[in-house]
Amino acid sequence: MKEIFFDAKFDCIICLNGEIPSKTIFNKIANIPIFAADGAALKLYKIEVEPTKIIGDLDSFSENFHEKIKDKIIKIDDQNTNDFEKVLLFVIENNYKNCLIFGINGGEFEHSLNNWSVLAKYSEKLNLCVWTENRYGFYVSKNISIQLRKNETVSLIPCPIAVISSKNLKWELSHYSLEIGVSEGARNSVISENVEIVLHQGKYFLFIDARLPFCFTTVI
């Protein structure tokens, strides 16, 4: 069983072209490289947050704006990957590991769903943590032990199937099968701080309260 701790720092921020948080949130995690996926850069500039690099096919920019940011641009025209995946490949190539992700939701719904698919694909290679509405979401493929707060809301969303047993949740699970389109595991509650989740089969996304500025790490 892997123990999960929130004692590390993020080494980069990835901004996607969805709902971007306020500048106040960015101030909590200052001095970290920000990699913007294409059009997300425009939203960052509107809240006076400057990206370190802008990565993608750059179809969101006018020629005039393009000229102003040319020293930050990494243009990748590959049509077999979306902008999120392009950023993740850049992150891997440059040896980043602990990534905080903003903007995964918003805009066309199928685009958001596709982003979650990409997140699952790369979560075995990177520590990818999504921030939405002061919540963290991350992918789990092992048995885990995690310290949470009493009465904290916990959601387990299968990807696409997960058979789970739990300890110290209000609605305990015992070899319970979660499956997209069949059964759900959202909005459970913590009754004691040391929560254990045994994964008998499959994978899932775990959603908990955000721990900014801290990133999760695992110890076997």
Protein backbone atom coordinates (compact mmCIF):
# COMPACT_ATOMS: atom_id res chain seq x y z
CA MET A 1 0.00 0.00 0.00
CA LYS A 2 1.29 3.44 -0.90
CA GLU A 3 1.15 6.27 1.62
CA ILE A 4 0.26 9.66 0.15
CA PHE A 5 1.68 12.80 1.75
CA PHE A 6 1.26 16.48 0.92
CA ASP A 7 4.78 17.59 1.70
CA ALA A 8 6.24 18.36 -1.74
CA LYS A 9 6.13 21.44 -3.94
CA PHE A 10 4.93 21.66 -7.50
CA ASP A 11 7.73 22.25 -9.99
CA CYS A 12 5.51 23.55 -12.80
CA ILE A 13 2.02 24.78 -13.57
CA ILE A 14 0.13 23.73 -16.71
CA CYS A 15 -2.66 26.04 -17.85
CA LEU A 16 -5.26 24.70 -20.28
CA ASN A 17 -7.82 26.74 -22.17
CA GLY A 18 -10.68 26.16 -19.73
CA GLU A 19 -11.66 27.99 -16.54
CA ILE A 20 -8.57 29.69 -15.14
CA PRO A 21 -8.49 30.68 -11.42
CA SER A 22 -7.96 34.22 -10.20
CA LYS A 23 -4.56 35.81 -9.82
CA THR A 24 -4.87 35.27 -6.05
CA ILE A 25 -4.49 31.52 -6.57
CA PHE A 26 -1.39 32.02 -8.71
CA ASN A 27 0.10 34.19 -5.95
CA LYS A 28 -0.02 31.19 -3.58
CA ILE A 29 2.32 29.27 -5.87
CA ALA A 30 4.58 32.02 -7.18
CA ASN A 31 8.01 31.50 -8.75
CA ILE A 32 7.05 28.28 -10.54
CA PRO A 33 7.29 27.95 -14.35
CA ILE A 34 3.91 28.32 -16.07
CA PHE A 35 3.35 26.42 -19.30
CA ALA A 36 0.27 27.58 -21.18
CA ALA A 37 -1.47 25.43 -23.77
CA ASP A 38 -2.09 27.75 -26.70
CA GLY A 39 -5.17 29.95 -26.01
CA ALA A 40 -4.79 29.65 -22.23
CA ALA A 41 -2.03 32.26 -22.55
CA LEU A 42 -4.59 34.89 -23.58
CA LYS A 43 -6.57 34.26 -20.39
CA LEU A 44 -3.40 34.51 -18.29
CA TYR A 45 -2.44 37.85 -19.79
CA LYS A 46 -5.95 39.16 -19.03
CA ILE A 47 -5.37 38.55 -15.29
CA GLU A 48 -1.77 39.84 -15.51
CA VAL A 49 -0.12 36.45 -15.10
CA GLU A 50 2.75 35.87 -17.50
CA PRO A 51 3.37 32.36 -18.84
CA THR A 52 6.92 31.03 -19.06
CA LYS A 53 6.24 29.15 -22.30
CA ILE A 54 3.27 28.94 -24.68
CA ILE A 55 2.94 25.54 -26.31
CA GLY A 56 0.68 24.33 -29.12
CA ASP A 57 -0.27 24.97 -32.72
CA LEU A 58 -0.94 28.65 -31.83
CA ASP A 59 -4.16 28.92 -33.81
CA SER A 60 -5.59 31.23 -31.10
CA PHE A 61 -3.25 34.17 -31.70
CA SER A 62 -3.30 37.10 -34.09
CA GLU A 63 -0.09 37.91 -35.95
CA ASN A 64 0.39 41.11 -33.90
CA PHE A 65 0.11 39.30 -30.58
CA HIS A 66 2.22 36.46 -31.89
CA GLU A 67 5.06 38.91 -32.52
CA LYS A 68 4.95 40.19 -28.93
CA ILE A 69 5.36 36.74 -27.40
CA LYS A 70 7.62 35.06 -29.96
CA ASP A 71 10.39 34.44 -27.39
CA LYS A 72 7.96 32.31 -25.33
CA ILE A 73 6.51 30.22 -28.14
CA ILE A 74 7.06 26.54 -28.73
CA LYS A 75 5.03 25.76 -31.83
CA ILE A 76 4.03 22.13 -32.41
CA ASP A 77 1.83 21.43 -35.42
CA ASP A 78 1.29 17.70 -34.75
CA GLN A 79 -2.42 17.01 -35.30
CA ASN A 80 -2.25 13.63 -33.55
CA THR A 81 -1.98 15.28 -30.12
CA ASN A 82 -4.08 18.01 -28.54
CA ASP A 83 -2.50 21.02 -26.83
CA PHE A 84 -2.63 19.41 -23.37
CA GLU A 85 -0.67 16.42 -24.60
CA LYS A 86 1.82 18.68 -26.36
CA VAL A 87 2.50 20.44 -23.05
CA LEU A 88 2.88 17.14 -21.19
CA LEU A 89 5.42 15.89 -23.72
CA PHE A 90 7.38 19.13 -23.25
CA VAL A 91 7.22 18.67 -19.46
CA ILE A 92 8.57 15.10 -19.70
CA GLU A 93 11.32 16.12 -22.09
CA ASN A 94 12.45 18.84 -19.67
CA ASN A 95 12.41 16.61 -16.56
CA TYR A 96 9.54 18.19 -14.65
CA LYS A 97 7.59 15.84 -12.40
CA ASN A 98 5.08 17.49 -10.03
CA CYS A 99 2.56 19.35 -12.20
CA LEU A 100 -0.39 21.45 -11.07
CA ILE A 101 -3.06 21.76 -13.76
CA PHE A 102 -5.50 24.64 -14.18
CA GLY A 103 -8.23 24.98 -16.78
CA ILE A 104 -8.98 21.33 -17.48
CA ASN A 105 -12.74 22.09 -17.50
CA GLY A 106 -14.66 24.73 -19.40
CA GLY A 107 -15.70 25.40 -22.97
CA GLU A 108 -16.95 22.53 -25.11
CA PHE A 109 -17.76 19.55 -22.90
CA GLU A 110 -16.14 16.99 -25.21
CA HIS A 111 -12.92 18.98 -24.99
CA SER A 112 -13.00 18.66 -21.18
CA LEU A 113 -13.66 14.93 -21.40
CA ASN A 114 -10.77 14.53 -23.81
CA ASN A 115 -8.48 16.39 -21.37
CA TRP A 116 -9.40 13.91 -18.61
CA SER A 117 -8.52 11.05 -20.95
CA VAL A 118 -5.11 12.60 -21.61
CA LEU A 119 -4.66 13.09 -17.86
CA ALA A 120 -5.24 9.39 -17.26
CA LYS A 121 -2.84 8.43 -20.05
CA TYR A 122 0.09 10.40 -18.61
CA SER A 123 -0.55 9.98 -14.86
CA GLU A 124 1.66 6.88 -14.69
CA LYS A 125 4.62 9.01 -15.89
CA LEU A 126 4.02 12.26 -13.97
CA ASN A 127 2.45 13.49 -10.72
CA LEU A 128 -0.49 15.31 -12.30
CA CYS A 129 -2.79 17.18 -9.93
CA VAL A 130 -5.84 19.05 -11.20
CA TRP A 131 -7.14 22.11 -9.34
CA THR A 132 -10.81 23.03 -9.77
CA GLU A 133 -12.88 25.16 -7.37
CA ASN A 134 -10.39 24.67 -4.52
CA ARG A 135 -10.38 20.89 -4.99
CA TYR A 136 -7.60 18.54 -6.05
CA GLY A 137 -8.15 15.66 -8.43
CA PHE A 138 -5.61 13.00 -9.30
CA TYR A 139 -5.43 9.53 -10.82
CA VAL A 140 -5.00 6.44 -8.64
CA SER A 141 -3.94 2.99 -9.82
CA LYS A 142 -2.66 1.47 -6.53
CA ASN A 143 -3.78 0.77 -2.98
CA ILE A 144 -3.35 3.98 -0.95
CA SER A 145 -3.30 5.31 2.59
CA ILE A 146 -3.93 9.05 2.84
CA GLN A 147 -4.27 11.52 5.71
CA LEU A 148 -7.42 13.61 5.24
CA ARG A 149 -9.51 15.87 7.47
CA LYS A 150 -12.52 14.63 9.40
CA ASN A 151 -15.74 15.45 7.49
CA GLU A 152 -13.78 16.24 4.33
CA THR A 153 -15.68 15.41 1.13
CA VAL A 154 -14.09 12.66 -0.95
CA SER A 155 -15.12 11.50 -4.42
CA LEU A 156 -13.94 8.40 -6.27
CA ILE A 157 -14.71 8.50 -10.00
CA PRO A 158 -13.95 5.26 -11.89
CA CYS A 159 -11.78 5.33 -14.98
CA PRO A 160 -13.89 3.68 -16.36
CA ILE A 161 -14.21 0.80 -13.85
CA ALA A 162 -12.84 0.37 -10.32
CA VAL A 163 -13.53 -2.25 -7.66
CA ILE A 164 -12.78 -0.69 -4.28
CA SER A 165 -12.76 -1.34 -0.53
CA SER A 166 -12.35 1.55 1.92
CA LYS A 167 -11.61 2.28 5.55
CA ASN A 168 -12.76 5.39 7.48
CA LEU A 169 -15.29 6.74 5.00
CA LYS A 170 -18.87 7.45 6.05
CA TRP A 171 -20.26 5.15 3.38
CA GLU A 172 -17.75 2.32 3.39
CA LEU A 173 -17.09 0.31 0.26
CA SER A 174 -16.40 -3.42 0.33
CA HIS A 175 -15.32 -4.86 -3.01
CA TYR A 176 -17.73 -2.30 -4.44
CA SER A 177 -17.80 -1.93 -8.22
CA LEU A 178 -17.80 1.62 -9.55
CA GLU A 179 -18.42 2.00 -13.27
CA ILE A 180 -19.17 4.93 -15.57
CA GLY A 181 -22.82 4.68 -16.57
CA VAL A 182 -23.59 2.09 -13.88
CA SER A 183 -22.61 3.19 -10.36
CA GLU A 184 -20.95 6.29 -8.89
CA GLY A 185 -18.70 7.13 -5.95
CA ALA A 186 -19.07 10.90 -5.58
CA ARG A 187 -19.46 12.95 -2.39
CA ASN A 188 -18.45 10.53 0.35
CA SER A 189 -17.19 11.84 3.70
CA VAL A 190 -14.21 11.19 5.98
CA ILE A 191 -14.95 9.89 9.49
CA SER A 192 -11.34 9.43 10.66
CA GLU A 193 -8.18 11.04 9.35
CA ASN A 194 -6.32 7.93 8.18
CA VAL A 195 -8.23 6.81 5.09
CA GLU A 196 -7.31 3.61 3.28
CA ILE A 197 -8.55 2.70 -0.18
CA VAL A 198 -7.83 -0.77 -1.54
CA LEU A 199 -8.08 -1.05 -5.31
CA HIS A 200 -8.96 -4.61 -6.30
CA GLN A 201 -9.40 -3.83 -9.96
CA GLY A 202 -9.26 -0.88 -12.35
CA LYS A 203 -8.33 2.78 -11.80
CA TYR A 204 -10.07 5.92 -10.58
CA PHE A 205 -9.78 9.66 -10.01
CA LEU A 206 -9.67 10.76 -6.38
CA PHE A 207 -11.06 14.21 -5.50
CA ILE A 208 -10.28 15.90 -2.17
CA ASP A 209 -9.85 19.44 -0.82
CA ALA A 210 -6.92 21.38 -2.28
CA ARG A 211 -3.67 21.64 -0.29
CA LEU A 212 -2.06 24.62 -2.03
CA PRO A 213 0.83 25.16 -2.33
CA PHE A 214 1.60 21.50 -1.62
CA CYS A 215 1.80 18.61 -4.05
CA PHE A 216 1.22 14.98 -3.20
CA THR A 217 4.01 12.41 -3.03
CA THR A 218 3.80 8.67 -2.47
CA VAL A 219 5.91 6.34 -0.34
CA ILE A 220 5.63 2.54 -0.65
